[in-house]
Protein backbone atom coordinates (compact mmCIF):
# COMPACT_ATOMS: atom_id res chain seq x y z
CA MET A 1 43.21 -13.61 115.54
CA ARG A 2 44.48 -17.17 115.15
CA ILE A 3 41.18 -18.21 113.61
CA VAL A 4 41.40 -15.37 111.09
CA LYS A 5 44.96 -16.35 110.17
CA ARG A 6 43.97 -19.99 109.84
CA ILE A 7 41.03 -19.13 107.57
CA ALA A 8 43.30 -16.93 105.46
CA SER A 9 45.83 -19.75 105.16
CA PHE A 10 43.15 -22.18 104.04
CA LEU A 11 41.91 -19.67 101.45
CA VAL A 12 45.40 -19.16 100.05
CA LEU A 13 46.00 -22.90 99.97
CA GLY A 14 42.66 -23.45 98.27
CA ILE A 15 43.45 -20.86 95.60
CA LEU A 16 46.87 -22.39 94.97
CA LEU A 17 45.40 -25.88 94.65
CA LEU A 18 42.74 -24.56 92.29
CA ILE A 19 45.39 -22.91 90.10
CA ILE A 20 47.49 -26.08 90.06
CA ALA A 21 44.45 -28.19 89.18
CA PHE A 22 43.48 -25.75 86.42
CA ASP A 23 47.00 -25.83 84.96
CA ILE A 24 47.11 -29.63 85.06
CA TRP A 25 43.73 -29.79 83.36
CA GLY A 26 44.85 -27.32 80.73
CA PHE A 27 48.12 -29.13 80.08
CA ALA A 28 46.33 -32.47 79.77
CA THR A 29 43.40 -31.45 77.59
CA LEU A 30 44.41 -28.58 75.32
CA GLY A 31 46.26 -28.65 72.04
CA ARG A 32 45.15 -30.83 69.15
CA ILE A 33 46.93 -29.30 66.17
CA THR A 34 50.63 -29.47 65.37
CA PRO A 35 51.93 -26.97 62.79
CA ALA A 36 53.48 -28.57 59.72
CA LEU A 37 57.28 -28.38 59.65
CA ASP A 38 57.45 -27.58 55.93
CA PRO A 39 54.17 -25.83 55.13
CA VAL A 40 52.91 -24.50 51.81
CA ARG A 41 52.94 -20.73 52.21
CA ASP A 42 51.26 -17.95 50.27
CA ASP A 43 53.34 -14.78 50.56
CA ASP A 44 50.34 -12.67 49.54
CA ALA A 45 47.98 -14.15 52.13
CA ASN A 46 48.33 -11.22 54.53
CA LYS A 47 49.05 -8.43 52.09
CA VAL A 48 45.93 -6.50 53.15
CA VAL A 49 44.62 -7.04 56.70
CA MET A 50 41.45 -5.68 58.30
CA VAL A 51 41.21 -5.46 62.10
CA PHE A 52 38.04 -5.19 64.18
CA GLY A 53 37.99 -4.39 67.90
CA ALA A 54 41.39 -2.66 67.73
CA THR A 55 40.66 -0.38 70.70
CA GLY A 56 40.05 -3.34 73.04
CA SER A 57 42.67 -5.13 75.12
CA VAL A 58 42.81 -8.08 72.71
CA GLY A 59 42.30 -6.18 69.46
CA ASP A 60 45.12 -3.78 70.32
CA GLY A 61 47.54 -6.74 70.21
CA LEU A 62 46.07 -8.01 66.93
CA LEU A 63 46.65 -4.58 65.43
CA LYS A 64 50.20 -4.44 66.80
CA ALA A 65 50.98 -7.81 65.20
CA ALA A 66 49.60 -6.68 61.83
CA ILE A 67 51.47 -3.37 61.88
CA GLU A 68 54.79 -5.01 62.74
CA ASP A 69 54.50 -7.84 60.18
CA PRO A 70 56.69 -6.99 57.16
CA GLU A 71 54.48 -9.05 54.81
CA VAL A 72 51.45 -6.87 55.63
CA GLU A 73 51.38 -3.92 53.27
CA LYS A 74 48.12 -2.31 54.40
CA VAL A 75 46.00 -2.46 57.55
CA TYR A 76 42.39 -1.31 57.53
CA VAL A 77 41.02 -0.65 61.01
CA VAL A 78 37.23 -0.60 61.38
CA THR A 79 36.29 1.09 64.63
CA ARG A 80 33.94 3.46 66.42
CA ARG A 81 36.79 5.45 67.95
CA THR A 82 40.53 5.79 67.68
CA SER A 83 43.46 4.90 69.96
CA SER A 84 47.09 5.87 70.30
CA ARG A 85 48.17 2.78 68.32
CA ILE A 86 45.67 3.47 65.55
CA ASP A 87 46.79 7.10 65.39
CA ALA A 88 50.45 6.09 65.19
CA GLY A 89 49.65 3.55 62.47
CA VAL A 90 47.75 6.14 60.45
CA ALA A 91 50.67 8.58 60.82
CA SER A 92 53.07 5.90 59.53
CA GLY A 93 50.96 5.41 56.41
CA LYS A 94 50.41 1.69 57.00
CA VAL A 95 47.01 1.99 58.72
CA ASP A 96 43.81 3.34 57.21
CA MET A 97 41.08 3.95 59.80
CA HIS A 98 37.38 3.67 58.93
CA LEU A 99 34.84 4.85 61.48
CA LEU A 100 31.69 2.73 61.63
CA GLN A 101 28.75 2.88 64.01
CA ASP A 102 26.49 0.11 62.67
CA TYR A 103 28.30 -3.23 62.49
CA THR A 104 25.47 -4.81 60.54
CA ASP A 105 25.86 -2.38 57.62
CA TYR A 106 29.15 -2.45 55.68
CA SER A 107 28.01 -0.59 52.58
CA SER A 108 30.47 2.23 53.35
CA LEU A 109 33.35 -0.27 53.07
CA ALA A 110 32.27 -1.82 49.77
CA ASP A 111 35.05 -0.11 47.80
CA ILE A 112 37.83 -1.66 49.94
CA LEU A 113 36.44 -5.08 50.90
CA GLY A 114 37.55 -6.54 47.59
CA GLU A 115 41.18 -5.82 48.53
CA VAL A 116 41.14 -7.56 51.93
CA ASN A 117 42.93 -10.88 52.39
CA THR A 118 42.83 -11.41 56.14
CA VAL A 119 40.38 -10.28 58.81
CA LEU A 120 41.34 -10.32 62.50
CA TRP A 121 38.06 -10.09 64.42
CA GLY A 122 38.64 -9.06 68.02
CA LEU A 123 35.27 -7.34 68.46
CA GLY A 124 33.25 -8.60 71.41
CA THR A 125 32.15 -8.13 74.99
CA SER A 126 31.44 -10.10 78.16
CA SER A 127 27.98 -11.52 78.70
CA LEU A 128 28.09 -9.72 82.05
CA ASN A 129 28.08 -6.34 80.29
CA VAL A 130 24.98 -6.71 78.11
CA ASP A 131 21.63 -8.49 77.93
CA ASP A 132 21.14 -11.66 75.86
CA PRO A 133 19.73 -10.00 72.70
CA THR A 134 22.59 -7.48 72.62
CA PHE A 135 25.13 -10.26 73.17
CA THR A 136 23.67 -12.15 70.18
CA ARG A 137 23.77 -9.01 68.05
CA ILE A 138 27.46 -8.45 68.81
CA HIS A 139 28.70 -12.04 68.57
CA VAL A 140 26.46 -13.44 65.82
CA ASP A 141 24.83 -10.66 63.82
CA PHE A 142 27.96 -8.49 63.54
CA PRO A 143 30.39 -11.12 62.17
CA VAL A 144 27.75 -12.82 60.01
CA SER A 145 26.78 -9.47 58.47
CA PHE A 146 30.42 -8.69 57.79
CA VAL A 147 31.21 -12.03 56.15
CA ASN A 148 28.14 -11.67 53.94
CA ALA A 149 29.28 -8.18 52.88
CA TRP A 150 32.86 -9.34 52.32
CA LEU A 151 31.83 -12.29 50.17
CA ALA A 152 29.66 -9.99 48.08
CA GLU A 153 32.85 -8.15 47.08
CA ARG A 154 35.41 -10.98 47.03
CA GLN A 155 35.41 -14.77 46.95
CA ASN A 156 38.84 -15.67 45.60
CA SER A 157 41.79 -16.73 47.73
CA PRO A 158 43.75 -15.82 49.69
CA MET A 159 41.01 -15.03 52.20
CA SER A 160 40.80 -15.88 55.89
CA PHE A 161 38.57 -14.78 58.77
CA HIS A 162 39.86 -15.16 62.33
CA TYR A 163 37.16 -14.96 65.00
CA ILE A 164 38.01 -14.95 68.73
CA THR A 165 35.25 -16.74 70.62
CA GLY A 166 37.01 -17.96 73.76
CA MET A 167 37.36 -21.07 75.88
CA GLY A 168 34.04 -22.64 76.79
CA THR A 169 32.35 -21.75 73.51
CA ASP A 170 29.97 -24.56 72.62
CA PRO A 171 27.01 -24.44 70.19
CA GLU A 172 25.33 -27.09 72.34
CA GLY A 173 26.31 -25.55 75.68
CA GLU A 174 24.03 -24.72 78.58
CA GLU A 175 25.01 -21.05 78.81
CA HIS A 176 23.55 -18.53 76.37
CA TRP A 177 26.93 -16.92 75.69
CA ALA A 178 28.56 -20.28 74.89
CA ARG A 179 25.77 -21.29 72.51
CA GLU A 180 25.65 -17.95 70.70
CA LYS A 181 29.40 -17.73 70.19
CA GLY A 182 29.28 -21.31 68.92
CA ARG A 183 26.46 -20.36 66.57
CA GLY A 184 28.53 -17.44 65.31
CA GLU A 185 31.45 -19.80 64.59
CA ARG A 186 29.19 -22.19 62.72
CA GLU A 187 27.33 -19.58 60.68
CA VAL A 188 30.43 -17.82 59.35
CA ALA A 189 31.92 -21.21 58.44
CA GLU A 190 28.74 -22.17 56.59
CA LEU A 191 28.78 -18.90 54.65
CA ALA A 192 32.34 -19.60 53.55
CA ALA A 193 31.75 -23.24 52.63
CA SER A 194 31.31 -22.77 48.87
CA THR A 195 33.98 -20.06 48.51
CA ASP A 196 37.76 -19.71 48.89
CA LEU A 197 37.30 -18.13 52.33
CA ARG A 198 38.64 -20.05 55.32
CA THR A 199 37.24 -19.18 58.74
CA PHE A 200 38.92 -20.00 62.04
CA ALA A 201 37.47 -19.88 65.57
CA TYR A 202 39.90 -19.15 68.41
CA ARG A 203 38.76 -20.57 71.72
CA SER A 204 41.46 -18.81 73.66
CA ALA A 205 41.78 -18.84 77.44
CA PHE A 206 43.46 -15.84 79.14
CA VAL A 207 44.74 -13.31 76.61
CA ARG A 208 47.23 -10.97 78.22
CA PRO A 209 47.14 -7.44 76.74
CA THR A 210 50.13 -5.74 75.13
CA GLU A 211 52.87 -4.33 77.33
CA GLU A 212 51.38 -0.87 76.89
CA GLN A 213 48.06 -2.01 78.39
CA SER A 214 49.12 -4.67 80.90
CA ASN A 215 49.29 -4.19 84.66
CA VAL A 216 50.58 -6.24 87.59
CA LEU A 217 47.46 -8.39 87.74
CA HIS A 218 47.75 -9.27 84.06
CA TYR A 219 51.34 -10.42 84.54
CA LEU A 220 50.37 -12.35 87.66
CA GLY A 221 47.63 -14.13 85.74
CA GLU A 222 50.10 -14.92 82.97
CA THR A 223 52.59 -16.37 85.44
CA VAL A 224 50.17 -18.75 87.13
CA LEU A 225 48.34 -19.89 83.97
CA ARG A 226 51.21 -20.28 81.50
CA PRO A 227 52.30 -23.73 82.82
CA GLY A 228 48.93 -25.14 81.75
CA GLY A 229 49.00 -23.54 78.32
CA LEU A 230 46.09 -21.31 79.32
CA VAL A 231 47.56 -17.91 78.46
CA ILE A 232 48.74 -16.16 75.32
CA THR A 233 49.52 -12.50 74.73
CA SER A 234 47.27 -10.56 72.39
CA LYS A 235 50.18 -9.87 70.04
CA GLU A 236 51.10 -13.57 69.97
CA LEU A 237 47.49 -14.38 69.14
CA GLY A 238 47.65 -11.97 66.21
CA GLU A 239 50.89 -13.57 65.05
CA ALA A 240 49.30 -17.02 65.24
CA MET A 241 46.43 -15.78 63.05
CA LEU A 242 48.83 -14.34 60.47
CA GLU A 243 50.83 -17.57 60.44
CA ILE A 244 47.70 -19.67 59.91
CA SER A 245 46.58 -17.37 57.07
CA ALA A 246 49.91 -17.75 55.30
CA ARG A 247 49.75 -21.57 55.56
CA SER A 248 47.26 -21.66 52.74
CA GLU A 249 46.80 -25.44 52.51
CA GLU A 250 47.22 -26.50 56.12
CA LEU A 251 43.90 -26.01 57.92
CA PRO A 252 40.40 -26.21 56.42
CA ASN A 253 37.53 -23.78 56.76
CA GLY A 254 35.79 -24.01 60.14
CA THR A 255 38.83 -25.20 62.12
CA VAL A 256 38.52 -24.59 65.86
CA ILE A 257 41.80 -23.51 67.42
CA ASP A 258 42.32 -23.70 71.17
CA ASN A 259 44.86 -21.83 73.27
CA VAL A 260 47.74 -24.30 72.95
CA ASP A 261 47.19 -24.50 69.19
CA SER A 262 47.51 -20.70 69.04
CA ILE A 263 50.70 -20.83 71.12
CA ARG A 264 52.21 -23.37 68.71
CA TYR A 265 51.43 -21.26 65.65
CA ALA A 266 52.71 -18.10 67.35
CA ARG A 267 55.94 -19.96 68.06
CA ALA A 268 56.12 -21.08 64.41
CA TYR A 269 55.63 -17.45 63.37
CA LYS A 270 58.51 -16.32 65.60
CA ASP A 271 60.78 -19.16 64.44
CA ARG A 272 60.16 -18.24 60.81
CA SER A 273 60.65 -14.53 61.45
CA SER A 274 63.92 -15.09 63.31
CA SER A 275 65.29 -17.25 60.49
CA SER A 276 64.34 -14.81 57.72
CA PRO A 277 67.24 -12.87 56.18
């Protein structure tokens, strides 16, 4: 019994040390962008927002942020199925849901793509859930096909595309998932290069779901990872995206935004919102 207790104690200690080391690493290495104190803002930058992946744990928070933002007049949700938040948004009149099964074919959205200013792309899956070709289809083919379709209908500002790729994404990485997400980042940025579209890649760490979807383990993860700047809520991430969109001259196309950067822009969003009359 003593041996079992001793092993358990060593395991707990090891986990605590690992968490501390991870937080120290995160605190020391993350965060390269500081939001401007007096930014140039475009009040129309987020007038029409389109959300992908809104039924997922991250996309639900992006949708919540868009619905609650007073500068957003219309939210288009592109999805394969609905959710309670989508239904409530549709009932309010602010959300317009479009069902889509093939995320490489956006011809059915051609009549509305010209209206869209900001796209919050939360569509994705873990590499553990699918094989390599399917992972590439979801994380490269889907966003690249969308950006091509969008640019066929609109190329004038304000336009911004916000793509969540996640910490560890690296176009030169050893893992297939890291390389393919990195390739997706690069290809959408290259498509936008000669247009007014700005694309942003969010290499977030732990994204805690909205209160409606979070459980005890989510809050525990948030508690232990927040000191290292390695956690952000999904709604805060959406707010950071909206803030970056509105700062029309601050960040160039292809900017990579890590978790601490997102936290800083989410804080700037809240500070601005709290000071608004």
